[in-house]
Amino acid sequence: MKEFGYSDLPILYNASFGHNEPKCILPYGVQAEIDTEALTFKLLEAAVES
Protein backbone atom coordinates (compact mmCIF):
# COMPACT_ATOMS: atom_id res chain seq x y z
CA MET A 1 0.00 0.00 0.00
CA LYS A 2 2.98 2.32 0.42
CA GLU A 3 3.27 2.47 -3.38
CA PHE A 4 -0.14 4.15 -3.50
CA GLY A 5 0.46 6.50 -0.55
CA TYR A 6 -1.75 4.57 1.89
CA SER A 7 0.82 3.39 4.41
CA ASP A 8 -1.47 4.14 7.40
CA LEU A 9 -4.48 2.03 6.30
CA PRO A 10 -5.23 -1.11 8.29
CA ILE A 11 -5.27 -4.27 6.16
CA LEU A 12 -7.62 -7.12 7.01
CA TYR A 13 -6.29 -10.56 6.01
CA ASN A 14 -6.54 -14.25 6.83
CA ALA A 15 -10.34 -14.07 7.03
CA SER A 16 -13.09 -16.04 5.26
CA PHE A 17 -14.05 -13.57 2.54
CA GLY A 18 -13.03 -13.15 -1.07
CA HIS A 19 -11.81 -16.07 -3.19
CA ASN A 20 -11.86 -18.89 -0.66
CA GLU A 21 -14.25 -21.44 0.89
CA PRO A 22 -16.37 -21.04 2.93
CA LYS A 23 -17.23 -17.51 1.83
CA CYS A 24 -18.44 -14.78 4.17
CA ILE A 25 -20.51 -12.05 2.53
CA LEU A 26 -19.50 -8.50 3.45
CA PRO A 27 -22.23 -5.95 2.71
CA TYR A 28 -21.23 -2.98 0.56
CA GLY A 29 -21.79 0.50 2.03
CA VAL A 30 -22.34 -0.54 5.65
CA GLN A 31 -20.33 1.23 8.34
CA ALA A 32 -17.78 -1.09 9.93
CA GLU A 33 -14.96 -0.91 12.45
CA ILE A 34 -11.55 -2.58 12.51
CA ASP A 35 -10.01 -2.65 16.00
CA THR A 36 -6.30 -3.30 15.49
CA GLU A 37 -5.63 -3.73 19.22
CA ALA A 38 -8.43 -6.24 19.91
CA LEU A 39 -7.97 -7.77 16.41
CA THR A 40 -11.69 -7.55 15.65
CA PHE A 41 -13.90 -6.51 12.74
CA LYS A 42 -17.45 -5.36 13.51
CA LEU A 43 -20.40 -4.16 11.42
CA LEU A 44 -21.79 -1.01 13.06
CA GLU A 45 -25.22 -1.03 11.39
CA ALA A 46 -27.73 -3.47 9.98
CA ALA A 47 -26.95 -4.83 6.55
CA VAL A 48 -30.61 -5.55 5.69
CA GLU A 49 -34.00 -4.07 6.51
CA SER A 50 -36.81 -6.21 7.90
PDB file of N, CA and C in Angstrom:
ATOM      1  N   MET A   1       0.814  -1.191   0.000  1.00  0.00           N
ATOM      2  CA  MET A   1       0.000   0.000   0.000  1.00  0.00           C
ATOM      3  C   MET A   1       0.862   1.261   0.000  1.00  0.00           C
ATOM      4  N   LYS A   2       2.105   1.145   0.416  1.00  0.00           N
ATOM      5  CA  LYS A   2       2.983   2.315   0.417  1.00  0.00           C
ATOM      6  C   LYS A   2       3.149   2.891  -0.983  1.00  0.00           C
ATOM      7  N   GLU A   3       3.122   2.014  -1.997  1.00  0.00           N
ATOM      8  CA  GLU A   3       3.270   2.469  -3.379  1.00  0.00           C
ATOM      9  C   GLU A   3       2.171   3.447  -3.779  1.00  0.00           C
ATOM     10  N   PHE A   4       0.997   3.307  -3.171  1.00  0.00           N
ATOM     11  CA  PHE A   4      -0.144   4.153  -3.500  1.00  0.00           C
ATOM     12  C   PHE A   4      -0.336   5.300  -2.511  1.00  0.00           C
ATOM     13  N   GLY A   5       0.552   5.427  -1.535  1.00  0.00           N
ATOM     14  CA  GLY A   5       0.462   6.502  -0.554  1.00  0.00           C
ATOM     15  C   GLY A   5      -0.498   6.225   0.588  1.00  0.00           C
ATOM     16  N   TYR A   6      -0.816   4.943   0.824  1.00  0.00           N
ATOM     17  CA  TYR A   6      -1.751   4.571   1.888  1.00  0.00           C
ATOM     18  C   TYR A   6      -1.056   3.745   2.966  1.00  0.00           C
ATOM     19  N   SER A   7       0.058   4.186   3.458  1.00  0.00           N
ATOM     20  CA  SER A   7       0.820   3.386   4.415  1.00  0.00           C
ATOM     21  C   SER A   7       0.169   3.307   5.794  1.00  0.00           C
ATOM     22  N   ASP A   8      -0.845   4.148   6.075  1.00  0.00           N
ATOM     23  CA  ASP A   8      -1.468   4.137   7.396  1.00  0.00           C
ATOM     24  C   ASP A   8      -2.813   3.410   7.423  1.00  0.00           C
ATOM     25  N   LEU A   9      -3.219   2.763   6.331  1.00  0.00           N
ATOM     26  CA  LEU A   9      -4.484   2.034   6.302  1.00  0.00           C
ATOM     27  C   LEU A   9      -4.323   0.662   6.940  1.00  0.00           C
ATOM     28  N   PRO A  10      -5.280   0.255   7.781  1.00  0.00           N
ATOM     29  CA  PRO A  10      -5.231  -1.114   8.291  1.00  0.00           C
ATOM     30  C   PRO A  10      -5.605  -2.082   7.173  1.00  0.00           C
ATOM     31  N   ILE A  11      -4.996  -3.245   7.163  1.00  0.00           N
ATOM     32  CA  ILE A  11      -5.273  -4.266   6.160  1.00  0.00           C
ATOM     33  C   ILE A  11      -5.816  -5.494   6.874  1.00  0.00           C
ATOM     34  N   LEU A  12      -6.970  -5.944   6.431  1.00  0.00           N
ATOM     35  CA  LEU A  12      -7.617  -7.118   7.015  1.00  0.00           C
ATOM     36  C   LEU A  12      -7.264  -8.328   6.158  1.00  0.00           C
ATOM     37  N   TYR A  13      -6.693  -9.371   6.764  1.00  0.00           N
ATOM     38  CA  TYR A  13      -6.286 -10.557   6.008  1.00  0.00           C
ATOM     39  C   TYR A  13      -6.509 -11.802   6.840  1.00  0.00           C
ATOM     40  N   ASN A  14      -6.365 -12.953   6.186  1.00  0.00           N
ATOM     41  CA  ASN A  14      -6.543 -14.253   6.831  1.00  0.00           C
ATOM     42  C   ASN A  14      -7.952 -14.409   7.399  1.00  0.00           C
ATOM     43  N   ALA A  15      -8.944 -13.958   6.637  1.00  0.00           N
ATOM     44  CA  ALA A  15     -10.344 -14.071   7.034  1.00  0.00           C
ATOM     45  C   ALA A  15     -11.118 -14.771   5.921  1.00  0.00           C
ATOM     46  N   SER A  16     -12.289 -15.283   6.239  1.00  0.00           N
ATOM     47  CA  SER A  16     -13.088 -16.043   5.265  1.00  0.00           C
ATOM     48  C   SER A  16     -13.951 -15.129   4.404  1.00  0.00           C
ATOM     49  N   PHE A  17     -13.335 -14.352   3.546  1.00  0.00           N
ATOM     50  CA  PHE A  17     -14.049 -13.573   2.542  1.00  0.00           C
ATOM     51  C   PHE A  17     -13.176 -13.496   1.303  1.00  0.00           C
ATOM     52  N   GLY A  18     -13.802 -13.238   0.177  1.00  0.00           N
ATOM     53  CA  GLY A  18     -13.031 -13.152  -1.065  1.00  0.00           C
ATOM     54  C   GLY A  18     -13.062 -14.451  -1.841  1.00  0.00           C
ATOM     55  N   HIS A  19     -11.906 -14.898  -2.311  1.00  0.00           N
ATOM     56  CA  HIS A  19     -11.814 -16.066  -3.188  1.00  0.00           C
ATOM     57  C   HIS A  19     -11.397 -17.311  -2.420  1.00  0.00           C
ATOM     58  N   ASN A  20     -12.170 -17.687  -1.433  1.00  0.00           N
ATOM     59  CA  ASN A  20     -11.864 -18.892  -0.662  1.00  0.00           C
ATOM     60  C   ASN A  20     -13.165 -19.574  -0.253  1.00  0.00           C
ATOM     61  N   GLU A  21     -13.083 -20.707   0.387  1.00  0.00           N
ATOM     62  CA  GLU A  21     -14.249 -21.440   0.887  1.00  0.00           C
ATOM     63  C   GLU A  21     -14.053 -21.702   2.370  1.00  0.00           C
ATOM     64  N   PRO A  22     -15.036 -21.603   3.218  1.00  0.00           N
ATOM     65  CA  PRO A  22     -16.367 -21.042   2.934  1.00  0.00           C
ATOM     66  C   PRO A  22     -16.294 -19.523   2.804  1.00  0.00           C
ATOM     67  N   LYS A  23     -17.213 -18.958   2.065  1.00  0.00           N
ATOM     68  CA  LYS A  23     -17.232 -17.514   1.833  1.00  0.00           C
ATOM     69  C   LYS A  23     -18.113 -16.805   2.867  1.00  0.00           C
ATOM     70  N   CYS A  24     -17.663 -15.675   3.303  1.00  0.00           N
ATOM     71  CA  CYS A  24     -18.444 -14.785   4.166  1.00  0.00           C
ATOM     72  C   CYS A  24     -18.811 -13.569   3.321  1.00  0.00           C
ATOM     73  N   ILE A  25     -20.066 -13.184   3.328  1.00  0.00           N
ATOM     74  CA  ILE A  25     -20.510 -12.047   2.528  1.00  0.00           C
ATOM     75  C   ILE A  25     -20.364 -10.770   3.353  1.00  0.00           C
ATOM     76  N   LEU A  26     -19.637  -9.804   2.806  1.00  0.00           N
ATOM     77  CA  LEU A  26     -19.498  -8.501   3.447  1.00  0.00           C
ATOM     78  C   LEU A  26     -20.382  -7.510   2.702  1.00  0.00           C
ATOM     79  N   PRO A  27     -21.332  -6.890   3.386  1.00  0.00           N
ATOM     80  CA  PRO A  27     -22.229  -5.947   2.713  1.00  0.00           C
ATOM     81  C   PRO A  27     -21.499  -4.678   2.289  1.00  0.00           C
ATOM     82  N   TYR A  28     -21.834  -4.183   1.113  1.00  0.00           N
ATOM     83  CA  TYR A  28     -21.227  -2.977   0.564  1.00  0.00           C
ATOM     84  C   TYR A  28     -21.949  -1.750   1.107  1.00  0.00           C
ATOM     85  N   GLY A  29     -21.212  -0.765   1.583  1.00  0.00           N
ATOM     86  CA  GLY A  29     -21.787   0.496   2.026  1.00  0.00           C
ATOM     87  C   GLY A  29     -22.220   0.543   3.477  1.00  0.00           C
ATOM     88  N   VAL A  30     -21.975  -0.502   4.235  1.00  0.00           N
ATOM     89  CA  VAL A  30     -22.344  -0.544   5.653  1.00  0.00           C
ATOM     90  C   VAL A  30     -21.147  -0.080   6.477  1.00  0.00           C
ATOM     91  N   GLN A  31     -21.402   0.770   7.468  1.00  0.00           N
ATOM     92  CA  GLN A  31     -20.327   1.234   8.339  1.00  0.00           C
ATOM     93  C   GLN A  31     -19.767   0.060   9.139  1.00  0.00           C
ATOM     94  N   ALA A  32     -18.443  -0.012   9.215  1.00  0.00           N
ATOM     95  CA  ALA A  32     -17.782  -1.091   9.934  1.00  0.00           C
ATOM     96  C   ALA A  32     -16.596  -0.525  10.705  1.00  0.00           C
ATOM     97  N   GLU A  33     -16.080  -1.342  11.614  1.00  0.00           N
ATOM     98  CA  GLU A  33     -14.961  -0.913  12.455  1.00  0.00           C
ATOM     99  C   GLU A  33     -13.918  -2.024  12.515  1.00  0.00           C
ATOM    100  N   ILE A  34     -12.665  -1.664  12.317  1.00  0.00           N
ATOM    101  CA  ILE A  34     -11.549  -2.582  12.514  1.00  0.00           C
ATOM    102  C   ILE A  34     -10.801  -2.115  13.755  1.00  0.00           C
ATOM    103  N   ASP A  35     -10.745  -2.962  14.773  1.00  0.00           N
ATOM    104  CA  ASP A  35     -10.006  -2.651  15.999  1.00  0.00           C
ATOM    105  C   ASP A  35      -8.675  -3.396  15.931  1.00  0.00           C
ATOM    106  N   THR A  36      -7.609  -2.667  15.669  1.00  0.00           N
ATOM    107  CA  THR A  36      -6.301  -3.298  15.488  1.00  0.00           C
ATOM    108  C   THR A  36      -5.670  -3.761  16.796  1.00  0.00           C
ATOM    109  N   GLU A  37      -6.157  -3.258  17.927  1.00  0.00           N
ATOM    110  CA  GLU A  37      -5.633  -3.725  19.215  1.00  0.00           C
ATOM    111  C   GLU A  37      -6.328  -5.010  19.650  1.00  0.00           C
ATOM    112  N   ALA A  38      -7.665  -5.047  19.519  1.00  0.00           N
ATOM    113  CA  ALA A  38      -8.426  -6.240  19.905  1.00  0.00           C
ATOM    114  C   ALA A  38      -8.460  -7.278  18.786  1.00  0.00           C
ATOM    115  N   LEU A  39      -7.970  -6.899  17.592  1.00  0.00           N
ATOM    116  CA  LEU A  39      -7.968  -7.773  16.415  1.00  0.00           C
ATOM    117  C   LEU A  39      -9.382  -8.228  16.056  1.00  0.00           C
ATOM    118  N   THR A  40     -10.306  -7.246  15.979  1.00  0.00           N
ATOM    119  CA  THR A  40     -11.693  -7.553  15.653  1.00  0.00           C
ATOM    120  C   THR A  40     -12.180  -6.711  14.483  1.00  0.00           C
ATOM    121  N   PHE A  41     -13.207  -7.208  13.816  1.00  0.00           N
ATOM    122  CA  PHE A  41     -13.904  -6.513  12.738  1.00  0.00           C
ATOM    123  C   PHE A  41     -15.381  -6.567  13.083  1.00  0.00           C
ATOM    124  N   LYS A  42     -16.056  -5.415  13.084  1.00  0.00           N
ATOM    125  CA  LYS A  42     -17.450  -5.360  13.512  1.00  0.00           C
ATOM    126  C   LYS A  42     -18.262  -4.487  12.564  1.00  0.00           C
ATOM    127  N   LEU A  43     -19.452  -4.982  12.159  1.00  0.00           N
ATOM    128  CA  LEU A  43     -20.398  -4.155  11.418  1.00  0.00           C
ATOM    129  C   LEU A  43     -21.109  -3.261  12.420  1.00  0.00           C
ATOM    130  N   LEU A  44     -21.220  -1.970  12.122  1.00  0.00           N
ATOM    131  CA  LEU A  44     -21.793  -1.010  13.061  1.00  0.00           C
ATOM    132  C   LEU A  44     -23.255  -0.690  12.787  1.00  0.00           C
ATOM    133  N   GLU A  45     -23.811  -1.244  11.712  1.00  0.00           N
ATOM    134  CA  GLU A  45     -25.220  -1.027  11.393  1.00  0.00           C
ATOM    135  C   GLU A  45     -25.765  -2.258  10.690  1.00  0.00           C
ATOM    136  N   ALA A  46     -27.079  -2.330  10.619  1.00  0.00           N
ATOM    137  CA  ALA A  46     -27.726  -3.475   9.982  1.00  0.00           C
ATOM    138  C   ALA A  46     -27.419  -3.492   8.489  1.00  0.00           C
ATOM    139  N   ALA A  47     -27.241  -4.679   7.967  1.00  0.00           N
ATOM    140  CA  ALA A  47     -26.951  -4.831   6.546  1.00  0.00           C
ATOM    141  C   ALA A  47     -28.222  -4.997   5.717  1.00  0.00           C
ATOM    142  N   VAL A  48     -29.324  -5.357   6.369  1.00  0.00           N
ATOM    143  CA  VAL A  48     -30.609  -5.549   5.689  1.00  0.00           C
ATOM    144  C   VAL A  48     -31.712  -4.885   6.495  1.00  0.00           C
ATOM    145  N   GLU A  49     -32.819  -4.607   5.834  1.00  0.00           N
ATOM    146  CA  GLU A  49     -33.999  -4.066   6.507  1.00  0.00           C
ATOM    147  C   GLU A  49     -35.041  -5.162   6.614  1.00  0.00           C
ATOM    148  N   SER A  50     -35.758  -5.191   7.739  1.00  0.00           N
ATOM    149  CA  SER A  50     -36.808  -6.214   7.896  1.00  0.00           C
ATOM    150  C   SER A  50     -38.179  -5.623   7.718  1.00  0.00           C
TER     151      SER A  50
END
